[in-house]
Amino acid sequence: MRVTHVITRLIVGGAQENTIATVLGLHQKGVEVDLISGPTTGPEGSLESAFKTCPEILSIEPQLVRPVHPMRDWRAVRNLEKIFREQRPDIVHTHSGKAGVLGRVAAHRAGVPVIIHTIHGPSFGNFQGALANYAFRSAERHAAKVTTHFVTVANAMSRQYLAAGIGRSEDYTRIFSGFNLAPFLAAENDQALRSRLGINPRDFVVGKIARLFELKGHDDLFAIAPELVRRCPQIRFLFVGDGEWRHKFEGQARTLGLEKYFVFTGLVSPPEVPQYVGIMDALVHLSRREGLPRALPQALAAAKPVVAFDCDGASEVCIENQTGFLIRPGDLQSLTERIVQLGTDSTLRDRLGKAGQLLVKENFSVEQMVENIHALYVRLLRPTQPVR
């Protein structure tokens, strides 16, 4: 079995971590696998170093860039098609919006038998305008005509794409985005790390793991920060991650006169994330566009309760009053009340966190994810399996 994965870029992010874990896991199982990525640019950092012990797996396609660029996009399709014709993979498995469309088109033109696309998050929705939605829906419908099967990280993605007329229900398989659970299960409330960040032992730490960019919900947290500080003076907000909007958010904290309540870690590599989760008391995820936020199961693995907007796949791990609290997007009053409730009730935090940890242990191991993907490959490659 030969499998080629394609992704737009390897920045620090959930879709990228998922893809790398899949590729490396398949490699360890003896599958002949490689990964083609576009250039990794931007302040979000790079995960290309994950392949330092097996550099032959990763190759960079310079023409595969994230912005729409007709000439470079055409060249990317041509170059990918050439690679697929030369390497003759049994399966091409694409990830992310841009690589997902271009990679599937190129694979079809090269006659690849099985073409799979993972939907890590929606490429269309109410987070953008009508023109952009029309363009992305059209591109996805076109690419779907040459797609053998879709993998989704949450059932919510399947429902959204089916509602848009993309594929049939039998074309979709949900496979949770697994990760290495051990460091999160072992995460501790490291008082030395708290001290280095200016956080006191008795502070109630509300964590947020996300790129510092639009649609991630940081503005909602700033909007309620004054009220949260008034009602819970020991609160501290820990922002794990970096991005183009960091200066904006630091400015908002100063404008509110709440600089001491906000801690910005800057760019954090994936292996460092568990130690920051360990010093959190709860995690909030307020994104308006996400497949299934990786930060939610990561926090739950460390037995930290979560509060999330009910967007996309969040409800599949943030279960109301069982593992955390699910909030209607934009309902800042309820968001405030739930955070205060967690800040004043350690017994509640413990109950929700332990239930969440059990859910994640049963569903989110990286080994289970790789096994499920491999089993799907085997099924789709069977001679009796019809290929569209």
Protein backbone atom coordinates (compact mmCIF):
# COMPACT_ATOMS: atom_id res chain seq x y z
CA MET A 1 0.00 0.00 0.00
CA ARG A 2 1.39 3.37 -0.99
CA VAL A 3 -0.28 6.51 0.38
CA THR A 4 0.49 10.16 -0.32
CA HIS A 5 -0.89 12.86 1.94
CA VAL A 6 -1.18 16.49 0.81
CA ILE A 7 -1.62 19.55 3.03
CA THR A 8 -1.38 23.30 2.38
CA ARG A 9 1.20 24.13 5.06
CA LEU A 10 2.63 22.72 8.29
CA ILE A 11 2.02 25.55 10.73
CA VAL A 12 1.35 24.83 14.41
CA GLY A 13 -2.29 23.81 14.40
CA GLY A 14 -4.71 20.96 14.99
CA ALA A 15 -5.14 19.85 11.36
CA GLN A 16 -1.39 19.82 10.89
CA GLU A 17 -0.73 17.86 14.10
CA ASN A 18 -3.42 15.37 13.06
CA THR A 19 -1.87 14.91 9.63
CA ILE A 20 1.66 14.48 10.96
CA ALA A 21 0.52 11.95 13.58
CA THR A 22 -1.33 10.00 10.89
CA VAL A 23 1.62 9.95 8.49
CA LEU A 24 4.16 8.97 11.14
CA GLY A 25 1.79 6.37 12.61
CA LEU A 26 1.25 4.77 9.21
CA HIS A 27 5.01 4.82 8.61
CA GLN A 28 5.54 2.91 11.86
CA LYS A 29 2.98 0.34 10.71
CA GLY A 30 5.05 -0.31 7.61
CA VAL A 31 2.87 1.60 5.15
CA GLU A 32 4.78 3.28 2.31
CA VAL A 33 3.67 6.83 3.03
CA ASP A 34 4.79 10.36 2.25
CA LEU A 35 3.56 13.89 2.75
CA ILE A 36 3.56 16.82 0.33
CA SER A 37 3.13 20.27 1.87
CA GLY A 38 3.20 23.79 0.60
CA PRO A 39 5.73 26.24 2.12
CA THR A 40 5.22 26.92 5.81
CA THR A 41 5.02 30.68 6.38
CA GLY A 42 3.51 32.99 8.99
CA PRO A 43 3.88 33.73 12.71
CA GLU A 44 2.14 30.49 13.72
CA GLY A 45 5.40 28.51 13.61
CA SER A 46 6.38 25.37 11.73
CA LEU A 47 5.98 21.65 12.40
CA GLU A 48 8.32 20.52 9.62
CA SER A 49 10.87 19.44 12.24
CA ALA A 50 8.59 16.50 13.09
CA PHE A 51 10.23 14.71 10.16
CA LYS A 52 13.85 15.30 11.16
CA THR A 53 14.40 11.57 11.80
CA CYS A 54 12.71 10.55 8.54
CA PRO A 55 13.18 13.52 6.15
CA GLU A 56 12.49 11.37 3.11
CA ILE A 57 8.78 11.34 3.99
CA LEU A 58 8.26 15.12 3.62
CA SER A 59 8.56 17.11 0.41
CA ILE A 60 7.68 20.76 -0.20
CA GLU A 61 5.73 21.93 -3.25
CA PRO A 62 6.59 25.65 -3.67
CA GLN A 63 3.55 26.42 -5.83
CA LEU A 64 1.07 25.17 -3.20
CA VAL A 65 0.31 28.40 -1.34
CA ARG A 66 -2.61 29.31 0.91
CA PRO A 67 -3.91 32.48 -0.86
CA VAL A 68 -5.86 32.11 -4.09
CA HIS A 69 -3.34 32.61 -6.91
CA PRO A 70 -4.58 31.30 -10.29
CA MET A 71 -1.18 30.89 -11.93
CA ARG A 72 0.49 29.23 -8.95
CA ASP A 73 -2.62 27.11 -8.32
CA TRP A 74 -2.49 25.82 -11.91
CA ARG A 75 1.20 25.05 -11.52
CA ALA A 76 0.55 23.27 -8.22
CA VAL A 77 -2.04 21.00 -9.85
CA ARG A 78 0.32 20.28 -12.73
CA ASN A 79 3.24 19.52 -10.40
CA LEU A 80 1.16 17.32 -8.10
CA GLU A 81 -0.24 15.42 -11.07
CA LYS A 82 3.29 14.76 -12.31
CA ILE A 83 4.35 13.47 -8.88
CA PHE A 84 1.33 11.18 -8.64
CA ARG A 85 1.94 9.77 -12.13
CA GLU A 86 5.57 9.04 -11.26
CA GLN A 87 4.98 7.61 -7.78
CA ARG A 88 1.65 5.86 -8.56
CA PRO A 89 0.19 5.90 -5.03
CA ASP A 90 -2.76 3.64 -4.27
CA ILE A 91 -4.31 6.42 -2.20
CA VAL A 92 -4.02 10.20 -2.15
CA HIS A 93 -5.29 11.63 1.13
CA THR A 94 -5.71 15.41 1.24
CA HIS A 95 -6.09 17.87 4.11
CA SER A 96 -7.10 21.55 4.45
CA GLY A 97 -9.08 23.63 1.98
CA LYS A 98 -6.56 24.64 -0.68
CA ALA A 99 -4.58 21.39 -0.79
CA GLY A 100 -7.84 19.49 -0.50
CA VAL A 101 -9.22 20.86 -3.75
CA LEU A 102 -6.00 21.05 -5.78
CA GLY A 103 -4.71 17.73 -4.51
CA ARG A 104 -7.90 15.84 -5.34
CA VAL A 105 -8.10 17.34 -8.83
CA ALA A 106 -4.47 16.40 -9.50
CA ALA A 107 -4.98 12.89 -8.12
CA HIS A 108 -8.00 12.34 -10.36
CA ARG A 109 -6.11 13.57 -13.43
CA ALA A 110 -3.26 11.19 -12.55
CA GLY A 111 -5.64 8.22 -12.28
CA VAL A 112 -5.13 7.55 -8.55
CA PRO A 113 -7.52 4.69 -7.59
CA VAL A 114 -8.66 6.02 -4.18
CA ILE A 115 -8.92 9.72 -3.25
CA ILE A 116 -9.72 10.64 0.36
CA HIS A 117 -10.20 14.06 1.91
CA THR A 118 -10.24 14.86 5.63
CA ILE A 119 -12.50 17.74 6.66
CA HIS A 120 -10.75 19.25 9.68
CA GLY A 121 -13.01 22.29 9.67
CA PRO A 122 -15.63 23.90 7.42
CA SER A 123 -14.49 25.94 4.44
CA PHE A 124 -17.87 27.69 4.25
CA GLY A 125 -20.36 28.96 6.82
CA ASN A 126 -21.75 32.05 8.50
CA PHE A 127 -18.25 33.18 9.50
CA GLN A 128 -17.73 34.70 6.03
CA GLY A 129 -19.65 36.52 3.29
CA ALA A 130 -21.97 35.16 0.63
CA LEU A 131 -19.47 35.51 -2.23
CA ALA A 132 -16.75 33.59 -0.39
CA ASN A 133 -19.25 30.91 0.63
CA TYR A 134 -20.41 30.51 -2.97
CA ALA A 135 -16.83 30.13 -4.18
CA PHE A 136 -15.84 27.61 -1.52
CA ARG A 137 -19.03 25.57 -1.82
CA SER A 138 -18.57 25.41 -5.58
CA ALA A 139 -14.96 24.30 -5.23
CA GLU A 140 -15.89 21.63 -2.69
CA ARG A 141 -18.75 20.32 -4.85
CA HIS A 142 -16.41 20.10 -7.83
CA ALA A 143 -13.74 18.25 -5.84
CA ALA A 144 -16.36 15.94 -4.32
CA LYS A 145 -17.10 14.51 -7.77
CA VAL A 146 -13.66 12.89 -7.78
CA THR A 147 -13.53 12.00 -4.07
CA THR A 148 -13.84 8.37 -3.07
CA HIS A 149 -14.43 9.05 0.61
CA PHE A 150 -14.46 11.78 3.26
CA VAL A 151 -13.00 11.54 6.76
CA THR A 152 -14.41 14.01 9.27
CA VAL A 153 -13.10 14.83 12.73
CA ALA A 154 -16.68 15.38 13.92
CA ASN A 155 -20.14 14.33 12.80
CA ALA A 156 -21.00 18.02 12.60
CA MET A 157 -18.77 18.28 9.53
CA SER A 158 -20.61 15.46 7.79
CA ARG A 159 -23.96 17.13 8.44
CA GLN A 160 -22.79 20.49 7.13
CA TYR A 161 -21.33 19.09 3.93
CA LEU A 162 -24.31 16.83 3.27
CA ALA A 163 -26.64 19.81 3.78
CA ALA A 164 -24.61 21.65 1.13
CA GLY A 165 -25.21 18.81 -1.32
CA ILE A 166 -21.70 17.39 -1.08
CA GLY A 167 -21.57 13.61 -1.25
CA ARG A 168 -23.84 11.00 0.33
CA SER A 169 -24.05 9.83 3.93
CA GLU A 170 -22.20 6.60 3.12
CA ASP A 171 -19.29 8.66 1.79
CA TYR A 172 -18.39 9.91 5.28
CA THR A 173 -16.55 8.35 8.21
CA ARG A 174 -15.90 10.13 11.49
CA ILE A 175 -12.47 9.48 12.95
CA PHE A 176 -11.63 11.58 15.99
CA SER A 177 -8.37 13.53 15.80
CA GLY A 178 -6.16 11.51 18.13
CA PHE A 179 -3.06 12.71 19.94
CA ASN A 180 -0.49 11.45 22.41
CA LEU A 181 -2.53 11.27 25.61
CA ALA A 182 0.25 10.45 28.07
CA PRO A 183 1.69 13.96 28.59
CA PHE A 184 -1.79 15.39 29.20
CA LEU A 185 -2.83 12.58 31.54
CA ALA A 186 0.33 13.27 33.54
CA ALA A 187 0.06 17.09 33.44
CA GLU A 188 0.52 18.73 36.84
CA ASN A 189 -0.18 22.13 38.33
CA ASP A 190 3.46 23.21 38.19
CA GLN A 191 3.85 26.01 40.71
CA ALA A 192 7.28 26.95 39.34
CA LEU A 193 5.77 27.53 35.89
CA ARG A 194 2.95 29.55 37.44
CA SER A 195 5.49 31.68 39.25
CA ARG A 196 7.51 32.32 36.07
CA LEU A 197 4.33 33.53 34.39
CA GLY A 198 3.37 35.76 37.32
CA ILE A 199 0.46 33.53 38.38
CA ASN A 200 -0.12 32.91 42.09
CA PRO A 201 -0.88 29.46 43.55
CA ARG A 202 -4.48 30.41 44.41
CA ASP A 203 -5.29 32.16 41.13
CA PHE A 204 -8.11 30.72 39.01
CA VAL A 205 -6.54 30.26 35.58
CA VAL A 206 -8.79 30.33 32.52
CA GLY A 207 -6.82 29.00 29.59
CA LYS A 208 -7.28 29.51 25.88
CA ILE A 209 -5.25 27.58 23.29
CA ALA A 210 -5.61 29.17 19.87
CA ARG A 211 -3.91 31.25 17.26
CA LEU A 212 -4.16 34.95 18.07
CA PHE A 213 -6.34 35.74 15.08
CA GLU A 214 -9.90 36.45 14.04
CA LEU A 215 -12.78 34.01 14.58
CA LYS A 216 -11.04 32.40 17.56
CA GLY A 217 -13.19 34.19 20.15
CA HIS A 218 -10.60 36.24 22.02
CA ASP A 219 -12.72 39.38 21.60
CA ASP A 220 -15.61 37.72 23.42
CA LEU A 221 -13.38 37.01 26.38
CA PHE A 222 -12.12 40.60 26.44
CA ALA A 223 -15.72 41.82 26.34
CA ILE A 224 -16.59 40.05 29.60
CA ALA A 225 -13.18 40.35 31.28
CA PRO A 226 -14.05 43.41 33.42
CA GLU A 227 -17.12 41.66 34.85
CA LEU A 228 -15.21 38.43 35.44
CA VAL A 229 -12.44 40.29 37.28
CA ARG A 230 -15.02 42.14 39.40
CA ARG A 231 -16.76 38.93 40.44
CA CYS A 232 -13.68 36.70 40.57
CA PRO A 233 -10.67 38.89 41.49
CA GLN A 234 -8.26 35.92 41.50
CA ILE A 235 -8.93 35.13 37.84
CA ARG A 236 -6.10 35.06 35.30
CA PHE A 237 -6.40 34.56 31.53
CA LEU A 238 -3.70 32.42 29.96
CA PHE A 239 -3.42 32.76 26.17
CA VAL A 240 -1.35 29.92 24.71
CA GLY A 241 -0.33 30.63 21.13
CA ASP A 242 0.75 33.43 18.86
CA GLY A 243 -0.49 35.11 15.71
CA GLU A 244 -0.96 38.29 13.74
CA TRP A 245 -3.37 39.80 16.27
CA ARG A 246 -1.16 39.53 19.33
CA HIS A 247 -0.41 43.27 19.47
CA LYS A 248 -4.11 44.03 19.10
CA PHE A 249 -5.01 41.81 22.05
CA GLU A 250 -2.19 43.13 24.20
CA GLY A 251 -3.51 46.61 23.42
CA GLN A 252 -7.04 45.61 24.46
CA ALA A 253 -5.75 44.38 27.80
CA ARG A 254 -3.99 47.72 28.37
CA THR A 255 -7.04 49.72 27.28
CA LEU A 256 -9.17 47.84 29.80
CA GLY A 257 -6.56 48.43 32.51
CA LEU A 258 -6.33 44.66 33.00
CA GLU A 259 -2.78 43.93 31.82
CA LYS A 260 -1.91 41.98 34.97
CA TYR A 261 -4.82 39.61 34.41
CA PHE A 262 -3.73 38.49 30.93
CA VAL A 263 -0.71 36.26 30.29
CA PHE A 264 0.55 35.75 26.74
CA THR A 265 2.86 32.75 26.33
CA GLY A 266 3.74 33.42 22.70
CA LEU A 267 4.37 30.56 20.32
CA VAL A 268 4.34 27.19 22.09
CA SER A 269 5.44 23.96 20.40
CA PRO A 270 3.06 20.98 20.66
CA PRO A 271 5.28 19.06 23.16
CA GLU A 272 5.13 22.09 25.51
CA VAL A 273 1.33 22.41 25.49
CA PRO A 274 0.64 19.83 28.28
CA GLN A 275 2.64 21.77 30.87
CA TYR A 276 0.54 24.88 30.20
CA VAL A 277 -2.69 22.90 30.31
CA GLY A 278 -1.53 21.53 33.65
CA ILE A 279 -1.58 24.98 35.30
CA MET A 280 -5.06 25.81 33.97
CA ASP A 281 -8.16 25.39 36.12
CA ALA A 282 -10.51 25.49 33.12
CA LEU A 283 -10.29 26.00 29.38
CA VAL A 284 -12.51 28.15 27.19
CA HIS A 285 -12.88 27.72 23.44
CA LEU A 286 -14.94 30.38 21.70
CA SER A 287 -14.14 29.81 18.06
CA ARG A 288 -16.81 30.49 15.43
CA ARG A 289 -15.18 28.15 12.93
CA GLU A 290 -13.73 24.79 13.93
CA GLY A 291 -14.10 21.13 13.09
CA LEU A 292 -13.60 19.67 16.51
CA PRO A 293 -11.32 21.96 18.52
CA ARG A 294 -8.22 19.98 19.48
CA ALA A 295 -7.82 22.12 22.59
CA LEU A 296 -11.01 20.66 24.08
CA PRO A 297 -9.96 16.99 24.27
CA GLN A 298 -6.44 18.08 25.25
CA ALA A 299 -7.78 19.98 28.25
CA LEU A 300 -10.15 17.16 29.15
CA ALA A 301 -7.30 14.65 28.98
CA ALA A 302 -5.68 16.66 31.77
CA ALA A 303 -9.00 16.57 33.69
CA LYS A 304 -9.71 20.25 33.11
CA PRO A 305 -13.36 21.27 32.55
CA VAL A 306 -14.16 23.16 29.38
CA VAL A 307 -16.50 25.94 28.29
CA ALA A 308 -17.17 26.22 24.58
CA PHE A 309 -19.41 27.90 22.08
CA ASP A 310 -21.76 25.40 20.45
CA CYS A 311 -20.11 25.57 17.04
CA ASP A 312 -19.39 22.71 14.67
CA GLY A 313 -18.11 19.64 16.57
CA ALA A 314 -17.61 21.16 20.03
CA SER A 315 -20.72 19.45 21.41
CA GLU A 316 -19.22 16.03 20.65
CA VAL A 317 -16.72 16.44 23.52
CA CYS A 318 -18.01 19.43 25.51
CA ILE A 319 -21.12 17.75 26.89
CA GLU A 320 -23.37 20.05 28.88
CA ASN A 321 -22.89 19.64 32.63
CA GLN A 322 -20.98 16.39 32.08
CA THR A 323 -17.57 17.47 30.79
CA GLY A 324 -18.17 21.22 30.75
CA PHE A 325 -20.63 23.85 29.61
CA LEU A 326 -21.84 24.50 26.08
CA ILE A 327 -22.82 28.09 25.30
CA ARG A 328 -24.85 29.52 22.45
CA PRO A 329 -22.41 31.55 20.31
CA GLY A 330 -22.46 35.18 21.36
CA ASP A 331 -24.31 34.57 24.64
CA LEU A 332 -21.82 36.49 26.76
CA GLN A 333 -24.04 36.56 29.84
CA SER A 334 -24.18 32.76 30.03
CA LEU A 335 -20.48 32.60 29.27
CA THR A 336 -19.79 34.91 32.20
CA GLU A 337 -21.98 32.93 34.59
CA ARG A 338 -20.43 29.59 33.70
CA ILE A 339 -16.86 30.84 34.08
CA VAL A 340 -17.70 32.40 37.46
CA GLN A 341 -19.42 29.17 38.49
CA LEU A 342 -16.29 27.18 37.71
CA GLY A 343 -14.11 29.75 39.42
CA THR A 344 -16.00 29.45 42.69
CA ASP A 345 -16.67 25.70 42.78
CA SER A 346 -13.63 23.42 42.80
CA THR A 347 -15.81 20.34 43.37
CA LEU A 348 -17.67 21.07 40.14
CA ARG A 349 -14.38 21.52 38.28
CA ASP A 350 -13.16 18.17 39.58
CA ARG A 351 -16.36 16.32 38.59
CA LEU A 352 -16.47 17.70 35.07
CA GLY A 353 -12.75 17.25 34.54
CA LYS A 354 -12.72 13.59 35.58
CA ALA A 355 -15.70 12.74 33.36
CA GLY A 356 -14.00 14.49 30.44
CA GLN A 357 -10.76 12.63 31.02
CA LEU A 358 -12.57 9.29 30.84
CA LEU A 359 -14.28 10.28 27.56
CA VAL A 360 -11.00 11.30 25.96
CA LYS A 361 -9.11 8.20 27.11
CA GLU A 362 -11.72 6.06 25.40
CA ASN A 363 -11.83 7.97 22.09
CA PHE A 364 -8.77 10.11 21.36
CA SER A 365 -5.61 8.03 21.47
CA VAL A 366 -3.36 8.52 18.45
CA GLU A 367 -3.03 4.74 18.12
CA GLN A 368 -6.80 4.36 17.74
CA MET A 369 -6.89 7.12 15.12
CA VAL A 370 -4.14 5.52 13.04
CA GLU A 371 -5.77 2.07 13.29
CA ASN A 372 -9.13 3.49 12.16
CA ILE A 373 -7.56 5.29 9.20
CA HIS A 374 -5.58 2.21 8.18
CA ALA A 375 -8.73 0.06 8.37
CA LEU A 376 -10.54 2.56 6.15
CA TYR A 377 -7.71 2.40 3.61
CA VAL A 378 -7.88 -1.38 3.51
CA ARG A 379 -11.64 -1.33 3.03
CA LEU A 380 -11.53 1.23 0.22
CA LEU A 381 -8.78 -0.63 -1.61
CA ARG A 382 -10.70 -3.92 -1.75
CA PRO A 383 -11.38 -4.92 -5.39
CA THR A 384 -15.09 -5.24 -4.63
CA GLN A 385 -15.27 -1.70 -3.30
CA PRO A 386 -16.81 0.59 -5.93
CA VAL A 387 -14.67 3.63 -6.65
CA ARG A 388 -16.38 6.76 -7.93
